[in-house]
């Protein structure tokens, strides 16, 4: 009975730590101290430890022998692999969505399209543009009608979100041209699904994910090069 009562608390702590990781409050490579997290979340250390174990199983957290838990830090190769898997899963979902689209999905797609236009008129709202991007991919997965495919995409996106840093959504880094281009791609994607053109939806989404992968890999590589240059300079001093 005690275990049954503890389970909802563990679920809640798991969700809260997961959100802290995805929002970059807990950053890649950071050590996760159960005592500190318990104090921050206002709970005992037991549910925190259970939650960290679950997060390790999901691949968001890394358990290091005799050193504790750390927010997982993905290499460029791992990121590339994740995007390749994402492409396989999401292209399949887009094909299915084009065939299984329901009126309720059309209504939601139209709402997103309408709101996307407002992000172009207010390009500083990069955060909302990213949220709408994620909503589109989530809705396509749901519209596929395949529950297991939807769950797989959700789990994968949790990992992808680990390295979409907060500075991507800061107004200072917003690129109006990039937002407009992404909006055009999403509009074409949604229209192809609404028109039940599975081949076109698959093509557009595949190319969209390829572009996102290339941007992320370049960003990761640039930061890694900068880190190595900094360390080399520090060693030379």
Protein backbone atom coordinates (compact mmCIF):
# COMPACT_ATOMS: atom_id res chain seq x y z
CA UNK A 1 0.00 0.00 0.00
CA UNK A 2 2.86 2.37 0.90
CA UNK A 3 4.45 1.72 -2.51
CA UNK A 4 1.14 2.53 -4.21
CA UNK A 5 0.99 5.88 -2.40
CA UNK A 6 4.61 6.64 -3.28
CA UNK A 7 4.16 6.02 -7.00
CA UNK A 8 2.25 9.25 -7.83
CA UNK A 9 4.91 11.25 -5.96
CA UNK A 10 7.70 9.55 -7.93
CA UNK A 11 5.82 10.27 -11.16
CA UNK A 12 5.52 13.93 -10.19
CA UNK A 13 9.19 14.25 -9.22
CA UNK A 14 10.21 12.47 -12.44
CA UNK A 15 8.16 14.93 -14.52
CA UNK A 16 9.53 17.95 -12.68
CA UNK A 17 13.19 16.91 -13.03
CA UNK A 18 12.58 15.99 -16.67
CA UNK A 19 11.15 19.47 -17.31
CA UNK A 20 14.16 21.08 -15.61
CA UNK A 21 16.43 19.15 -17.98
CA UNK A 22 14.41 19.91 -21.12
CA UNK A 23 14.21 23.62 -20.25
CA UNK A 24 17.99 23.69 -19.72
CA UNK A 25 17.70 24.70 -16.05
CA UNK A 26 19.70 21.53 -15.41
CA UNK A 27 22.34 21.67 -18.13
CA UNK A 28 24.15 18.98 -20.11
CA UNK A 29 26.99 17.49 -18.09
CA UNK A 30 25.73 18.88 -14.78
CA UNK A 31 25.90 16.60 -11.74
CA UNK A 32 22.52 15.84 -10.17
CA UNK A 33 22.77 15.75 -6.38
CA UNK A 34 19.73 14.05 -4.88
CA UNK A 35 19.96 16.08 -1.66
CA UNK A 36 19.91 19.38 -3.56
CA UNK A 37 17.09 18.29 -5.86
CA UNK A 38 15.04 17.04 -2.92
CA UNK A 39 15.40 20.40 -1.21
CA UNK A 40 14.59 22.29 -4.40
CA UNK A 41 11.45 20.22 -5.06
CA UNK A 42 10.35 20.02 -1.44
CA UNK A 43 10.41 16.22 -1.21
CA UNK A 44 12.52 13.51 0.40
CA UNK A 45 15.55 12.01 -1.33
CA UNK A 46 13.83 8.64 -1.98
CA UNK A 47 11.48 9.76 -4.81
CA UNK A 48 14.31 11.82 -6.29
CA UNK A 49 16.56 8.76 -6.47
CA UNK A 50 13.75 6.72 -8.04
CA UNK A 51 13.09 9.48 -10.59
CA UNK A 52 16.78 9.75 -11.49
CA UNK A 53 16.87 6.00 -12.08
CA UNK A 54 13.93 6.28 -14.46
CA UNK A 55 15.51 9.22 -16.27
CA UNK A 56 18.68 7.17 -16.71
CA UNK A 57 16.62 4.38 -18.28
CA UNK A 58 15.05 6.94 -20.65
CA UNK A 59 18.49 8.20 -21.66
CA UNK A 60 18.13 11.75 -20.34
CA UNK A 61 20.42 11.13 -17.38
CA UNK A 62 23.70 9.23 -17.18
CA UNK A 63 24.56 7.06 -14.16
CA UNK A 64 28.32 7.05 -13.59
CA UNK A 65 29.80 4.33 -11.40
CA UNK A 66 30.48 5.61 -7.86
CA UNK A 67 30.08 9.19 -9.09
CA UNK A 68 26.31 9.61 -9.18
CA UNK A 69 23.96 10.94 -11.82
CA UNK A 70 24.66 13.56 -14.50
CA UNK A 71 22.53 15.24 -17.15
CA UNK A 72 23.45 13.39 -20.30
CA UNK A 73 25.72 15.17 -22.74
CA UNK A 74 25.26 14.04 -26.35
CA UNK A 75 28.10 13.83 -28.85
CA UNK A 76 27.68 15.05 -32.43
CA UNK A 77 27.53 11.42 -33.61
CA UNK A 78 24.77 10.64 -31.11
CA UNK A 79 22.85 13.73 -32.17
CA UNK A 80 23.16 12.70 -35.82
CA UNK A 81 21.88 9.21 -34.97
CA UNK A 82 18.92 10.64 -33.04
CA UNK A 83 17.93 12.84 -35.96
CA UNK A 84 18.23 9.91 -38.36
CA UNK A 85 15.88 7.90 -36.16
CA UNK A 86 13.60 10.91 -35.82
CA UNK A 87 13.41 11.16 -39.60
CA UNK A 88 12.44 7.49 -39.95
CA UNK A 89 9.71 7.72 -37.32
CA UNK A 90 8.28 11.11 -38.22
CA UNK A 91 8.19 10.51 -41.97
CA UNK A 92 6.20 7.35 -41.27
CA UNK A 93 3.87 9.36 -39.03
CA UNK A 94 3.37 12.00 -41.74
CA UNK A 95 2.39 9.35 -44.28
CA UNK A 96 -0.11 7.84 -41.87
CA UNK A 97 -1.45 11.26 -40.86
CA UNK A 98 -2.20 12.09 -44.50
CA UNK A 99 -4.36 8.98 -44.66
CA UNK A 100 -5.89 9.02 -41.17
CA UNK A 101 -6.48 12.73 -40.60
CA UNK A 102 -9.62 13.51 -38.55
CA UNK A 103 -11.66 16.75 -38.53
CA UNK A 104 -10.38 17.56 -35.04
CA UNK A 105 -6.81 17.41 -36.33
CA UNK A 106 -7.67 19.77 -39.19
CA UNK A 107 -9.07 22.26 -36.69
CA UNK A 108 -5.89 22.11 -34.62
CA UNK A 109 -3.66 22.44 -37.69
CA UNK A 110 -5.62 25.53 -38.80
CA UNK A 111 -5.22 27.08 -35.35
CA UNK A 112 -1.46 26.51 -35.48
CA UNK A 113 -1.21 27.98 -38.99
CA UNK A 114 -3.03 31.09 -37.85
CA UNK A 115 -0.78 31.56 -34.83
CA UNK A 116 2.34 30.94 -36.91
CA UNK A 117 1.55 34.07 -38.91
CA UNK A 118 1.69 36.15 -35.74
CA UNK A 119 5.22 34.91 -34.96
CA UNK A 120 6.39 36.32 -38.29
CA UNK A 121 4.92 39.73 -37.46
CA UNK A 122 6.60 39.49 -34.03
CA UNK A 123 9.93 37.76 -34.77
CA UNK A 124 11.27 38.47 -31.29
CA UNK A 125 8.84 35.84 -30.00
CA UNK A 126 11.23 33.02 -30.82
CA UNK A 127 10.06 30.98 -27.82
CA UNK A 128 6.52 30.72 -29.17
CA UNK A 129 7.81 29.87 -32.65
CA UNK A 130 9.70 26.92 -31.17
CA UNK A 131 6.63 25.85 -29.18
CA UNK A 132 4.50 25.88 -32.33
CA UNK A 133 7.16 23.86 -34.15
CA UNK A 134 6.95 21.20 -31.46
CA UNK A 135 3.14 21.31 -31.49
CA UNK A 136 3.11 20.58 -35.22
CA UNK A 137 5.35 17.53 -34.87
CA UNK A 138 3.34 16.32 -31.89
CA UNK A 139 0.05 16.73 -33.75
CA UNK A 140 1.34 14.88 -36.82
CA UNK A 141 2.38 11.99 -34.58
CA UNK A 142 -1.06 11.90 -32.95
CA UNK A 143 -2.85 12.24 -36.29
CA UNK A 144 -1.01 9.14 -37.52
CA UNK A 145 -3.46 7.09 -35.50
CA UNK A 146 -0.67 4.76 -34.37
CA UNK A 147 -0.39 4.96 -30.58
CA UNK A 148 2.92 3.12 -30.32
CA UNK A 149 4.49 5.27 -33.03
CA UNK A 150 3.27 8.37 -31.20
CA UNK A 151 4.82 7.17 -27.92
CA UNK A 152 8.12 6.39 -29.64
CA UNK A 153 8.27 9.86 -31.17
CA UNK A 154 7.46 11.46 -27.81
CA UNK A 155 10.27 9.56 -26.09
CA UNK A 156 12.70 10.47 -28.85
CA UNK A 157 11.75 14.15 -28.75
CA UNK A 158 12.56 14.25 -25.05
CA UNK A 159 16.15 13.42 -25.95
CA UNK A 160 16.21 15.88 -28.83
CA UNK A 161 15.00 18.65 -26.52
CA UNK A 162 18.01 18.05 -24.26
CA UNK A 163 20.29 19.84 -26.68
CA UNK A 164 17.94 22.54 -27.96
CA UNK A 165 19.41 25.16 -25.64
CA UNK A 166 17.55 28.03 -24.10
CA UNK A 167 19.62 30.53 -26.08
CA UNK A 168 17.83 29.28 -29.20
CA UNK A 169 14.66 30.90 -27.93
CA UNK A 170 16.11 34.17 -26.60
CA UNK A 171 14.91 37.22 -28.49
CA UNK A 172 18.49 38.40 -29.04
CA UNK A 173 19.21 35.30 -31.12
CA UNK A 174 15.97 35.29 -33.08
CA UNK A 175 16.45 35.23 -36.84
CA UNK A 176 13.32 36.55 -38.61
CA UNK A 177 14.39 34.99 -41.91
CA UNK A 178 14.88 31.59 -40.29
CA UNK A 179 11.48 31.80 -38.58
CA UNK A 180 9.80 32.76 -41.86
CA UNK A 181 11.50 29.90 -43.73
CA UNK A 182 10.52 27.38 -41.08
CA UNK A 183 6.95 28.67 -41.13
CA UNK A 184 6.79 28.21 -44.91
CA UNK A 185 8.01 24.63 -44.58
CA UNK A 186 5.50 23.89 -41.84
CA UNK A 187 2.68 25.47 -43.85
CA UNK A 188 3.52 23.34 -46.90
CA UNK A 189 3.76 20.26 -44.69
CA UNK A 190 0.38 20.85 -43.07
CA UNK A 191 -1.29 21.58 -46.40
CA UNK A 192 0.10 18.37 -47.93
CA UNK A 193 -1.30 16.37 -45.00
CA UNK A 194 -4.68 18.12 -45.26
CA UNK A 195 -4.66 17.34 -48.99
CA UNK A 196 -3.90 13.68 -48.16
CA UNK A 197 -0.72 13.79 -50.24
CA UNK A 198 1.35 11.28 -48.27
CA UNK A 199 4.35 11.34 -50.61
CA UNK A 200 4.64 15.13 -50.53
CA UNK A 201 4.22 15.21 -46.74
CA UNK A 202 6.98 12.63 -46.36
CA UNK A 203 9.31 14.56 -48.68
CA UNK A 204 8.80 17.90 -46.94
CA UNK A 205 9.17 16.51 -43.44
CA UNK A 206 12.23 14.47 -44.36
CA UNK A 207 13.99 17.53 -45.77
CA UNK A 208 12.90 19.63 -42.79
CA UNK A 209 14.45 17.20 -40.31
CA UNK A 210 17.65 16.96 -42.39
CA UNK A 211 18.02 20.75 -42.21
CA UNK A 212 17.38 20.76 -38.47
CA UNK A 213 20.01 18.05 -38.02
CA UNK A 214 22.61 19.99 -40.00
CA UNK A 215 21.97 23.17 -38.01
CA UNK A 216 22.26 21.34 -34.71
CA UNK A 217 25.43 19.47 -35.71
CA UNK A 218 27.07 22.70 -36.87
CA UNK A 219 26.12 24.42 -33.63
CA UNK A 220 27.44 21.57 -31.50
CA UNK A 221 30.66 21.40 -33.50
CA UNK A 222 31.20 25.16 -33.26
CA UNK A 223 30.78 25.08 -29.50
CA UNK A 224 33.09 22.10 -29.21
CA UNK A 225 35.74 23.83 -31.33
CA UNK A 226 35.42 26.95 -29.18
CA UNK A 227 35.80 24.91 -26.00
CA UNK A 228 38.94 23.18 -27.32
CA UNK A 229 40.40 26.54 -28.40
CA UNK A 230 39.73 27.98 -24.95
CA UNK A 231 41.35 25.01 -23.19
CA UNK A 232 44.37 25.13 -25.51
CA UNK A 233 44.79 28.84 -24.84
CA UNK A 234 44.48 28.33 -21.09
CA UNK A 235 47.11 25.57 -21.18
CA UNK A 236 49.50 27.79 -23.13
CA UNK A 237 49.34 30.58 -20.57
